[in-house]
PDB file of N, CA and C in Angstrom:
ATOM      1  N   MET A   1     179.734  51.493-134.642  1.00  0.00           N
ATOM      2  CA  MET A   1     179.082  51.952-135.853  1.00  0.00           C
ATOM      3  C   MET A   1     180.023  52.011-136.990  1.00  0.00           C
ATOM      4  N   ILE A   2     179.773  51.506-138.136  1.00  0.00           N
ATOM      5  CA  ILE A   2     180.577  51.467-139.276  1.00  0.00           C
ATOM      6  C   ILE A   2     180.031  52.518-140.294  1.00  0.00           C
ATOM      7  N   THR A   3     180.884  53.433-140.768  1.00  0.00           N
ATOM      8  CA  THR A   3     180.510  54.472-141.633  1.00  0.00           C
ATOM      9  C   THR A   3     181.172  54.233-143.054  1.00  0.00           C
ATOM     10  N   SER A   4     180.354  54.270-144.019  1.00  0.00           N
ATOM     11  CA  SER A   4     180.803  54.181-145.513  1.00  0.00           C
ATOM     12  C   SER A   4     180.421  55.377-146.182  1.00  0.00           C
ATOM     13  N   ILE A   5     181.318  55.827-147.147  1.00  0.00           N
ATOM     14  CA  ILE A   5     180.922  56.909-147.977  1.00  0.00           C
ATOM     15  C   ILE A   5     180.781  56.199-149.448  1.00  0.00           C
ATOM     16  N   VAL A   6     179.633  56.301-150.037  1.00  0.00           N
ATOM     17  CA  VAL A   6     179.285  55.724-151.251  1.00  0.00           C
ATOM     18  C   VAL A   6     179.292  56.696-152.368  1.00  0.00           C
ATOM     19  N   LEU A   7     180.130  56.659-153.382  1.00  0.00           N
ATOM     20  CA  LEU A   7     180.078  57.576-154.450  1.00  0.00           C
ATOM     21  C   LEU A   7     179.211  56.859-155.502  1.00  0.00           C
ATOM     22  N   ILE A   8     178.277  57.595-156.029  1.00  0.00           N
ATOM     23  CA  ILE A   8     177.137  56.982-157.016  1.00  0.00           C
ATOM     24  C   ILE A   8     177.150  57.702-158.330  1.00  0.00           C
ATOM     25  N   LYS A   9     177.096  57.005-159.291  1.00  0.00           N
ATOM     26  CA  LYS A   9     176.863  57.532-160.724  1.00  0.00           C
ATOM     27  C   LYS A   9     175.410  57.138-161.104  1.00  0.00           C
ATOM     28  N   THR A  10     174.632  58.058-161.591  1.00  0.00           N
ATOM     29  CA  THR A  10     173.223  57.780-161.869  1.00  0.00           C
ATOM     30  C   THR A  10     172.871  58.265-163.220  1.00  0.00           C
ATOM     31  N   ASP A  11     171.685  58.022-163.557  1.00  0.00           N
ATOM     32  CA  ASP A  11     171.086  58.563-164.793  1.00  0.00           C
ATOM     33  C   ASP A  11     170.879  60.081-164.434  1.00  0.00           C
ATOM     34  N   VAL A  12     171.493  61.013-165.142  1.00  0.00           N
ATOM     35  CA  VAL A  12     171.485  62.428-164.766  1.00  0.00           C
ATOM     36  C   VAL A  12     170.115  63.072-164.806  1.00  0.00           C
ATOM     37  N   ASP A  13     169.148  62.549-165.643  1.00  0.00           N
ATOM     38  CA  ASP A  13     167.949  63.090-165.707  1.00  0.00           C
ATOM     39  C   ASP A  13     166.921  62.791-164.566  1.00  0.00           C
ATOM     40  N   ARG A  14     167.413  61.902-163.670  1.00  0.00           N
ATOM     41  CA  ARG A  14     166.708  61.535-162.462  1.00  0.00           C
ATOM     42  C   ARG A  14     167.387  61.627-161.071  1.00  0.00           C
ATOM     43  N   ILE A  15     168.367  62.463-161.088  1.00  0.00           N
ATOM     44  CA  ILE A  15     169.217  62.678-159.862  1.00  0.00           C
ATOM     45  C   ILE A  15     168.410  62.817-158.582  1.00  0.00           C
ATOM     46  N   PRO A  16     167.494  63.889-158.677  1.00  0.00           N
ATOM     47  CA  PRO A  16     166.703  64.216-157.405  1.00  0.00           C
ATOM     48  C   PRO A  16     165.785  62.994-157.003  1.00  0.00           C
ATOM     49  N   GLU A  17     165.195  62.294-157.874  1.00  0.00           N
ATOM     50  CA  GLU A  17     164.376  61.141-157.569  1.00  0.00           C
ATOM     51  C   GLU A  17     165.203  59.966-156.964  1.00  0.00           C
ATOM     52  N   ILE A  18     166.221  59.726-157.602  1.00  0.00           N
ATOM     53  CA  ILE A  18     167.192  58.644-157.169  1.00  0.00           C
ATOM     54  C   ILE A  18     167.730  58.953-155.855  1.00  0.00           C
ATOM     55  N   ALA A  19     168.101  60.271-155.529  1.00  0.00           N
ATOM     56  CA  ALA A  19     168.581  60.665-154.281  1.00  0.00           C
ATOM     57  C   ALA A  19     167.541  60.493-153.234  1.00  0.00           C
ATOM     58  N   GLU A  20     166.351  60.890-153.453  1.00  0.00           N
ATOM     59  CA  GLU A  20     165.273  60.674-152.448  1.00  0.00           C
ATOM     60  C   GLU A  20     165.076  59.211-152.170  1.00  0.00           C
ATOM     61  N   GLU A  21     165.066  58.351-153.148  1.00  0.00           N
ATOM     62  CA  GLU A  21     164.798  56.899-152.967  1.00  0.00           C
ATOM     63  C   GLU A  21     166.001  56.329-152.197  1.00  0.00           C
ATOM     64  N   ILE A  22     167.136  56.689-152.344  1.00  0.00           N
ATOM     65  CA  ILE A  22     168.405  56.222-151.677  1.00  0.00           C
ATOM     66  C   ILE A  22     168.267  56.719-150.252  1.00  0.00           C
ATOM     67  N   ALA A  23     167.926  58.068-150.021  1.00  0.00           N
ATOM     68  CA  ALA A  23     167.892  58.540-148.628  1.00  0.00           C
ATOM     69  C   ALA A  23     166.822  57.823-147.742  1.00  0.00           C
ATOM     70  N   ALA A  24     165.849  57.284-148.423  1.00  0.00           N
ATOM     71  CA  ALA A  24     164.765  56.643-147.625  1.00  0.00           C
ATOM     72  C   ALA A  24     165.201  55.173-147.260  1.00  0.00           C
ATOM     73  N   LEU A  25     166.308  54.652-147.759  1.00  0.00           N
ATOM     74  CA  LEU A  25     166.677  53.352-147.405  1.00  0.00           C
ATOM     75  C   LEU A  25     167.268  53.152-146.024  1.00  0.00           C
ATOM     76  N   GLU A  26     166.948  52.084-145.271  1.00  0.00           N
ATOM     77  CA  GLU A  26     167.524  51.801-144.046  1.00  0.00           C
ATOM     78  C   GLU A  26     168.987  51.739-144.124  1.00  0.00           C
ATOM     79  N   GLY A  27     169.705  52.416-143.183  1.00  0.00           N
ATOM     80  CA  GLY A  27     171.123  52.409-143.178  1.00  0.00           C
ATOM     81  C   GLY A  27     171.707  53.594-143.784  1.00  0.00           C
ATOM     82  N   VAL A  28     171.042  54.357-144.669  1.00  0.00           N
ATOM     83  CA  VAL A  28     171.539  55.444-145.302  1.00  0.00           C
ATOM     84  C   VAL A  28     171.138  56.748-144.440  1.00  0.00           C
ATOM     85  N   SER A  29     172.146  57.523-143.996  1.00  0.00           N
ATOM     86  CA  SER A  29     171.908  58.606-143.179  1.00  0.00           C
ATOM     87  C   SER A  29     171.722  59.988-143.830  1.00  0.00           C
ATOM     88  N   GLU A  30     172.502  60.098-144.909  1.00  0.00           N
ATOM     89  CA  GLU A  30     172.442  61.304-145.820  1.00  0.00           C
ATOM     90  C   GLU A  30     172.772  60.933-147.179  1.00  0.00           C
ATOM     91  N   VAL A  31     172.195  61.781-148.182  1.00  0.00           N
ATOM     92  CA  VAL A  31     172.555  61.721-149.496  1.00  0.00           C
ATOM     93  C   VAL A  31     172.855  63.114-149.993  1.00  0.00           C
ATOM     94  N   TYR A  32     173.974  63.262-150.632  1.00  0.00           N
ATOM     95  CA  TYR A  32     174.350  64.640-151.201  1.00  0.00           C
ATOM     96  C   TYR A  32     174.408  64.621-152.771  1.00  0.00           C
ATOM     97  N   SER A  33     173.834  65.590-153.334  1.00  0.00           N
ATOM     98  CA  SER A  33     174.019  65.818-154.790  1.00  0.00           C
ATOM     99  C   SER A  33     175.285  66.669-154.902  1.00  0.00           C
ATOM    100  N   VAL A  34     176.223  66.109-155.711  1.00  0.00           N
ATOM    101  CA  VAL A  34     177.509  66.782-155.860  1.00  0.00           C
ATOM    102  C   VAL A  34     177.955  67.049-157.366  1.00  0.00           C
ATOM    103  N   THR A  35     178.940  67.835-157.451  1.00  0.00           N
ATOM    104  CA  THR A  35     179.643  68.011-158.796  1.00  0.00           C
ATOM    105  C   THR A  35     180.811  67.075-158.871  1.00  0.00           C
ATOM    106  N   GLY A  36     181.263  67.018-160.038  1.00  0.00           N
ATOM    107  CA  GLY A  36     182.437  66.098-160.288  1.00  0.00           C
ATOM    108  C   GLY A  36     182.114  64.855-160.940  1.00  0.00           C
ATOM    109  N   ALA A  37     182.917  63.836-160.846  1.00  0.00           N
ATOM    110  CA  ALA A  37     182.833  62.560-161.550  1.00  0.00           C
ATOM    111  C   ALA A  37     181.604  61.732-160.995  1.00  0.00           C
ATOM    112  N   HIS A  38     181.082  61.998-159.869  1.00  0.00           N
ATOM    113  CA  HIS A  38     179.912  61.262-159.379  1.00  0.00           C
ATOM    114  C   HIS A  38     178.771  62.231-159.245  1.00  0.00           C
ATOM    115  N   ASP A  39     177.647  61.656-159.290  1.00  0.00           N
ATOM    116  CA  ASP A  39     176.415  62.494-159.086  1.00  0.00           C
ATOM    117  C   ASP A  39     175.907  62.553-157.663  1.00  0.00           C
ATOM    118  N   LEU A  40     176.024  61.517-156.922  1.00  0.00           N
ATOM    119  CA  LEU A  40     175.552  61.541-155.590  1.00  0.00           C
ATOM    120  C   LEU A  40     176.579  60.955-154.585  1.00  0.00           C
ATOM    121  N   ILE A  41     176.565  61.362-153.313  1.00  0.00           N
ATOM    122  CA  ILE A  41     177.295  60.760-152.312  1.00  0.00           C
ATOM    123  C   ILE A  41     176.374  60.336-151.203  1.00  0.00           C
ATOM    124  N   ALA A  42     176.357  59.064-150.783  1.00  0.00           N
ATOM    125  CA  ALA A  42     175.565  58.574-149.723  1.00  0.00           C
ATOM    126  C   ALA A  42     176.409  58.248-148.592  1.00  0.00           C
ATOM    127  N   MET A  43     175.986  58.566-147.249  1.00  0.00           N
ATOM    128  CA  MET A  43     176.622  58.216-146.143  1.00  0.00           C
ATOM    129  C   MET A  43     175.809  57.060-145.572  1.00  0.00           C
ATOM    130  N   VAL A  44     176.471  55.920-145.309  1.00  0.00           N
ATOM    131  CA  VAL A  44     175.804  54.654-144.843  1.00  0.00           C
ATOM    132  C   VAL A  44     176.504  54.440-143.610  1.00  0.00           C
ATOM    133  N   ARG A  45     175.607  54.214-142.573  1.00  0.00           N
ATOM    134  CA  ARG A  45     176.026  53.909-141.174  1.00  0.00           C
ATOM    135  C   ARG A  45     175.241  52.680-140.692  1.00  0.00           C
ATOM    136  N   VAL A  46     176.036  51.687-140.423  1.00  0.00           N
ATOM    137  CA  VAL A  46     175.469  50.336-140.056  1.00  0.00           C
ATOM    138  C   VAL A  46     176.211  49.844-138.713  1.00  0.00           C
ATOM    139  N   ALA A  47     175.542  48.917-138.020  1.00  0.00           N
ATOM    140  CA  ALA A  47     176.166  48.369-136.859  1.00  0.00           C
ATOM    141  C   ALA A  47     177.228  47.365-137.146  1.00  0.00           C
ATOM    142  N   ARG A  48     177.119  46.517-138.068  1.00  0.00           N
ATOM    143  CA  ARG A  48     178.078  45.458-138.432  1.00  0.00           C
ATOM    144  C   ARG A  48     178.572  45.662-139.859  1.00  0.00           C
ATOM    145  N   HIS A  49     179.840  45.099-139.998  1.00  0.00           N
ATOM    146  CA  HIS A  49     180.389  45.173-141.371  1.00  0.00           C
ATOM    147  C   HIS A  49     179.616  44.336-142.359  1.00  0.00           C
ATOM    148  N   ASP A  50     179.050  43.220-142.039  1.00  0.00           N
ATOM    149  CA  ASP A  50     178.267  42.537-142.894  1.00  0.00           C
ATOM    150  C   ASP A  50     176.983  43.230-143.444  1.00  0.00           C
ATOM    151  N   ASP A  51     176.536  44.139-142.628  1.00  0.00           N
ATOM    152  CA  ASP A  51     175.326  44.950-143.045  1.00  0.00           C
ATOM    153  C   ASP A  51     175.595  45.774-144.233  1.00  0.00           C
ATOM    154  N   LEU A  52     176.898  46.103-144.508  1.00  0.00           N
ATOM    155  CA  LEU A  52     177.224  46.981-145.695  1.00  0.00           C
ATOM    156  C   LEU A  52     176.699  46.270-147.010  1.00  0.00           C
ATOM    157  N   ALA A  53     176.874  44.948-146.952  1.00  0.00           N
ATOM    158  CA  ALA A  53     176.495  44.224-148.196  1.00  0.00           C
ATOM    159  C   ALA A  53     174.905  44.283-148.397  1.00  0.00           C
ATOM    160  N   ASP A  54     174.183  44.311-147.271  1.00  0.00           N
ATOM    161  CA  ASP A  54     172.759  44.409-147.477  1.00  0.00           C
ATOM    162  C   ASP A  54     172.369  45.862-147.954  1.00  0.00           C
ATOM    163  N   VAL A  55     173.121  46.896-147.460  1.00  0.00           N
ATOM    164  CA  VAL A  55     172.667  48.241-147.831  1.00  0.00           C
ATOM    165  C   VAL A  55     173.264  48.661-149.237  1.00  0.00           C
ATOM    166  N   ILE A  56     174.528  48.444-149.506  1.00  0.00           N
ATOM    167  CA  ILE A  56     175.114  49.002-150.786  1.00  0.00           C
ATOM    168  C   ILE A  56     174.678  48.188-152.005  1.00  0.00           C
ATOM    169  N   PRO A  57     175.268  46.960-152.084  1.00  0.00           N
ATOM    170  CA  PRO A  57     174.858  46.166-153.298  1.00  0.00           C
ATOM    171  C   PRO A  57     173.434  45.629-153.216  1.00  0.00           C
ATOM    172  N   GLY A  58     172.976  45.432-151.970  1.00  0.00           N
ATOM    173  CA  GLY A  58     171.658  44.875-151.763  1.00  0.00           C
ATOM    174  C   GLY A  58     170.463  45.852-152.036  1.00  0.00           C
ATOM    175  N   ARG A  59     170.711  47.088-151.805  1.00  0.00           N
ATOM    176  CA  ARG A  59     169.652  48.113-151.840  1.00  0.00           C
ATOM    177  C   ARG A  59     169.995  49.310-152.739  1.00  0.00           C
ATOM    178  N   ILE A  60     171.142  49.994-152.493  1.00  0.00           N
ATOM    179  CA  ILE A  60     171.490  51.175-153.215  1.00  0.00           C
ATOM    180  C   ILE A  60     171.691  50.769-154.697  1.00  0.00           C
ATOM    181  N   SER A  61     172.438  49.789-155.065  1.00  0.00           N
ATOM    182  CA  SER A  61     172.758  49.437-156.306  1.00  0.00           C
ATOM    183  C   SER A  61     171.527  48.990-157.141  1.00  0.00           C
ATOM    184  N   LYS A  62     170.473  48.628-156.461  1.00  0.00           N
ATOM    185  CA  LYS A  62     169.272  48.157-157.142  1.00  0.00           C
ATOM    186  C   LYS A  62     168.227  49.173-157.345  1.00  0.00           C
ATOM    187  N   VAL A  63     168.530  50.374-156.898  1.00  0.00           N
ATOM    188  CA  VAL A  63     167.609  51.503-157.129  1.00  0.00           C
ATOM    189  C   VAL A  63     167.708  51.852-158.719  1.00  0.00           C
ATOM    190  N   PRO A  64     166.510  51.822-159.391  1.00  0.00           N
ATOM    191  CA  PRO A  64     166.529  52.135-160.700  1.00  0.00           C
ATOM    192  C   PRO A  64     167.156  53.487-161.016  1.00  0.00           C
ATOM    193  N   GLY A  65     168.147  53.436-162.043  1.00  0.00           N
ATOM    194  CA  GLY A  65     168.791  54.668-162.380  1.00  0.00           C
ATOM    195  C   GLY A  65     170.229  54.769-161.801  1.00  0.00           C
ATOM    196  N   VAL A  66     170.577  53.828-160.819  1.00  0.00           N
ATOM    197  CA  VAL A  66     171.944  53.833-160.262  1.00  0.00           C
ATOM    198  C   VAL A  66     172.784  53.035-161.273  1.00  0.00           C
ATOM    199  N   ALA A  67     173.844  53.734-161.872  1.00  0.00           N
ATOM    200  CA  ALA A  67     174.662  53.092-162.857  1.00  0.00           C
ATOM    201  C   ALA A  67     175.850  52.335-162.180  1.00  0.00           C
ATOM    202  N   SER A  68     176.456  53.033-161.105  1.00  0.00           N
ATOM    203  CA  SER A  68     177.570  52.345-160.487  1.00  0.00           C
ATOM    204  C   SER A  68     177.727  53.036-159.142  1.00  0.00           C
ATOM    205  N   THR A  69     178.442  52.218-158.146  1.00  0.00           N
ATOM    206  CA  THR A  69     178.828  52.732-156.919  1.00  0.00           C
ATOM    207  C   THR A  69     180.290  52.469-156.608  1.00  0.00           C
ATOM    208  N   GLU A  70     180.859  53.358-155.818  1.00  0.00           N
ATOM    209  CA  GLU A  70     182.206  53.141-155.303  1.00  0.00           C
ATOM    210  C   GLU A  70     182.278  53.290-153.870  1.00  0.00           C
ATOM    211  N   THR A  71     182.672  52.388-152.997  1.00  0.00           N
ATOM    212  CA  THR A  71     182.489  52.535-151.602  1.00  0.00           C
ATOM    213  C   THR A  71     183.838  52.644-150.927  1.00  0.00           C
ATOM    214  N   HIS A  72     183.764  53.571-149.964  1.00  0.00           N
ATOM    215  CA  HIS A  72     184.980  53.916-149.013  1.00  0.00           C
ATOM    216  C   HIS A  72     184.564  53.767-147.649  1.00  0.00           C
ATOM    217  N   ILE A  73     185.233  52.850-146.864  1.00  0.00           N
ATOM    218  CA  ILE A  73     184.893  52.616-145.490  1.00  0.00           C
ATOM    219  C   ILE A  73     185.751  53.388-144.637  1.00  0.00           C
ATOM    220  N   ALA A  74     185.088  54.221-143.729  1.00  0.00           N
ATOM    221  CA  ALA A  74     185.953  55.064-142.789  1.00  0.00           C
ATOM    222  C   ALA A  74     186.479  54.257-141.700  1.00  0.00           C
ATOM    223  N   PHE A  75     187.869  54.642-141.437  1.00  0.00           N
ATOM    224  CA  PHE A  75     188.517  54.044-140.375  1.00  0.00           C
ATOM    225  C   PHE A  75     188.263  54.738-139.021  1.00  0.00           C
ATOM    226  N   ARG A  76     188.207  56.074-139.040  1.00  0.00           N
ATOM    227  CA  ARG A  76     187.859  56.947-137.917  1.00  0.00           C
ATOM    228  C   ARG A  76     187.102  58.122-138.376  1.00  0.00           C
ATOM    229  N   THR A  77     186.413  58.682-137.419  1.00  0.00           N
ATOM    230  CA  THR A  77     185.665  59.941-137.751  1.00  0.00           C
ATOM    231  C   THR A  77     186.269  61.090-136.925  1.00  0.00           C
ATOM    232  N   TYR A  78     186.564  62.109-137.656  1.00  0.00           N
ATOM    233  CA  TYR A  78     187.079  63.383-137.051  1.00  0.00           C
ATOM    234  C   TYR A  78     186.058  64.498-137.277  1.00  0.00           C
ATOM    235  N   SER A  79     185.558  65.113-136.310  1.00  0.00           N
ATOM    236  CA  SER A  79     184.418  66.153-136.499  1.00  0.00           C
ATOM    237  C   SER A  79     184.733  67.261-135.547  1.00  0.00           C
ATOM    238  N   HIS A  80     184.642  68.504-136.044  1.00  0.00           N
ATOM    239  CA  HIS A  80     184.892  69.647-135.228  1.00  0.00           C
ATOM    240  C   HIS A  80     183.806  69.748-134.107  1.00  0.00           C
ATOM    241  N   HIS A  81     182.568  69.303-134.498  1.00  0.00           N
ATOM    242  CA  HIS A  81     181.465  69.309-133.536  1.00  0.00           C
ATOM    243  C   HIS A  81     181.654  68.230-132.393  1.00  0.00           C
ATOM    244  N   ASP A  82     182.225  67.151-132.746  1.00  0.00           N
ATOM    245  CA  ASP A  82     182.511  66.059-131.770  1.00  0.00           C
ATOM    246  C   ASP A  82     183.606  66.584-130.774  1.00  0.00           C
ATOM    247  N   LEU A  83     184.612  67.149-131.361  1.00  0.00           N
ATOM    248  CA  LEU A  83     185.724  67.706-130.496  1.00  0.00           C
ATOM    249  C   LEU A  83     185.175  68.817-129.594  1.00  0.00           C
ATOM    250  N   GLU A  84     184.394  69.649-130.042  1.00  0.00           N
ATOM    251  CA  GLU A  84     183.871  70.779-129.170  1.00  0.00           C
ATOM    252  C   GLU A  84     183.049  70.050-128.037  1.00  0.00           C
ATOM    253  N   ALA A  85     182.222  69.104-128.252  1.00  0.00           N
ATOM    254  CA  ALA A  85     181.437  68.484-127.268  1.00  0.00           C
ATOM    255  C   ALA A  85     182.402  67.775-126.265  1.00  0.00           C
ATOM    256  N   ALA A  86     183.417  67.175-126.705  1.00  0.00           N
ATOM    257  CA  ALA A  86     184.251  66.412-125.786  1.00  0.00           C
ATOM    258  C   ALA A  86     184.971  67.386-124.889  1.00  0.00           C
ATOM    259  N   PHE A  87     185.450  68.519-125.352  1.00  0.00           N
ATOM    260  CA  PHE A  87     186.159  69.473-124.486  1.00  0.00           C
ATOM    261  C   PHE A  87     185.204  70.242-123.579  1.00  0.00           C
ATOM    262  N   ALA A  88     183.969  70.308-123.866  1.00  0.00           N
ATOM    263  CA  ALA A  88     182.918  70.932-123.100  1.00  0.00           C
ATOM    264  C   ALA A  88     182.342  70.052-121.934  1.00  0.00           C
ATOM    265  N   ILE A  89     182.739  68.723-121.855  1.00  0.00           N
ATOM    266  CA  ILE A  89     182.362  67.918-120.796  1.00  0.00           C
ATOM    267  C   ILE A  89     182.777  68.426-119.424  1.00  0.00           C
ATOM    268  N   GLY A  90     181.907  68.526-118.544  1.00  0.00           N
ATOM    269  CA  GLY A  90     182.217  68.971-117.178  1.00  0.00           C
ATOM    270  C   GLY A  90     182.317  70.556-117.000  1.00  0.00           C
ATOM    271  N   LEU A  91     182.155  71.338-118.064  1.00  0.00           N
ATOM    272  CA  LEU A  91     182.155  72.690-117.954  1.00  0.00           C
ATOM    273  C   LEU A  91     180.816  73.228-117.752  1.00  0.00           C
ATOM    274  N   ASP A  92     180.686  74.161-116.890  1.00  0.00           N
ATOM    275  CA  ASP A  92     179.409  74.823-116.587  1.00  0.00           C
ATOM    276  C   ASP A  92     179.260  76.006-117.445  1.00  0.00           C
ATOM    277  N   ALA A  93     178.027  76.239-117.993  1.00  0.00           N
ATOM    278  CA  ALA A  93     177.852  77.331-118.945  1.00  0.00           C
ATOM    279  C   ALA A  93     177.521  78.683-118.086  1.00  0.00           C
TER     280      ALA A  93
END
Protein backbone atom coordinates (compact mmCIF):
# COMPACT_ATOMS: atom_id res chain seq x y z
CA MET A 1 0.00 0.00 0.00
CA ILE A 2 1.35 3.41 -0.99
CA THR A 3 0.32 6.36 1.16
CA SER A 4 0.45 9.97 0.03
CA ILE A 5 -0.29 13.13 1.96
CA VAL A 6 -1.83 15.72 -0.36
CA LEU A 7 -1.82 19.38 0.75
CA ILE A 8 -4.65 21.22 -1.01
CA LYS A 9 -5.44 24.90 -1.52
CA THR A 10 -9.08 25.62 -2.36
CA ASP A 11 -11.64 28.35 -2.80
CA VAL A 12 -12.14 29.25 0.87
CA ASP A 13 -15.88 29.81 0.54
CA ARG A 14 -16.39 26.15 -0.49
CA ILE A 15 -14.01 24.23 1.80
CA PRO A 16 -16.64 21.89 3.33
CA GLU A 17 -18.17 21.01 -0.05
CA ILE A 18 -14.79 20.46 -1.68
CA ALA A 19 -13.65 18.32 1.26
CA GLU A 20 -16.74 16.12 0.98
CA GLU A 21 -16.29 15.70 -2.76
CA ILE A 22 -12.62 14.75 -2.35
CA ALA A 23 -13.42 12.35 0.51
CA ALA A 24 -15.84 10.49 -1.77
CA LEU A 25 -13.13 9.79 -4.39
CA GLU A 26 -11.78 6.26 -4.72
CA GLY A 27 -8.31 6.07 -3.18
CA VAL A 28 -8.89 8.90 -0.71
CA SER A 29 -9.16 7.55 2.85
CA GLU A 30 -9.50 10.81 4.83
CA VAL A 31 -9.70 14.54 4.29
CA TYR A 32 -8.85 17.04 7.03
CA SER A 33 -9.76 20.71 7.13
CA VAL A 34 -6.70 22.45 8.60
CA THR A 35 -5.20 25.80 9.50
CA GLY A 36 -2.10 27.22 7.88
CA ALA A 37 -0.99 27.68 4.30
CA HIS A 38 -3.25 24.92 2.99
CA ASP A 39 -6.99 24.45 3.42
CA LEU A 40 -7.26 20.66 3.27
CA ILE A 41 -5.06 17.61 3.72
CA ALA A 42 -6.08 14.39 1.98
CA MET A 43 -4.68 10.97 2.75
CA VAL A 44 -4.45 8.89 -0.41
CA ARG A 45 -3.85 5.16 -0.20
CA VAL A 46 -3.38 3.11 -3.38
CA ALA A 47 -1.99 -0.29 -4.30
CA ARG A 48 0.41 0.85 -7.02
CA HIS A 49 2.56 3.92 -7.50
CA ASP A 50 0.99 4.54 -10.92
CA ASP A 51 -2.44 4.78 -9.26
CA LEU A 52 -1.36 8.05 -7.62
CA ALA A 53 -1.57 9.77 -11.01
CA ASP A 54 -5.17 8.61 -11.40
CA VAL A 55 -6.20 9.86 -7.97
CA ILE A 56 -4.26 13.11 -7.44
CA PRO A 57 -3.96 14.94 -10.78
CA GLY A 58 -6.67 12.78 -12.36
CA ARG A 59 -9.39 13.30 -9.76
CA ILE A 60 -8.48 15.55 -6.81
CA SER A 61 -7.05 18.36 -8.96
CA LYS A 62 -10.16 18.29 -11.16
CA VAL A 63 -12.61 18.91 -8.31
CA PRO A 64 -14.12 22.36 -8.89
CA GLY A 65 -12.61 24.81 -6.40
CA VAL A 66 -9.25 23.03 -5.98
CA ALA A 67 -6.62 25.67 -6.76
CA SER A 68 -3.44 23.61 -6.22
CA THR A 69 -2.05 20.45 -4.65
CA GLU A 70 1.29 19.48 -3.15
CA THR A 71 1.96 15.76 -2.74
CA HIS A 72 4.21 13.98 -0.24
CA ILE A 73 4.73 10.23 -0.57
CA ALA A 74 5.29 8.33 2.67
CA PHE A 75 8.33 6.05 2.88
CA ARG A 76 7.22 4.34 6.10
CA THR A 77 4.30 4.49 8.46
CA TYR A 78 4.83 4.82 12.21
CA SER A 79 1.75 4.54 14.37
CA HIS A 80 1.28 4.19 18.12
CA HIS A 81 -1.75 1.99 17.44
CA ASP A 82 0.21 -0.29 15.10
CA LEU A 83 2.99 -0.67 17.66
CA GLU A 84 0.54 -1.55 20.43
CA ALA A 85 -1.08 -4.21 18.24
CA ALA A 86 2.30 -5.70 17.29
CA PHE A 87 3.43 -5.99 20.90
CA ALA A 88 0.09 -7.50 21.93
CA ILE A 89 0.42 -10.44 19.53
CA GLY A 90 0.33 -13.68 21.48
CA LEU A 91 -0.66 -12.08 24.76
CA ASP A 92 -3.80 -13.34 26.44
CA ALA A 93 -6.07 -10.73 27.97
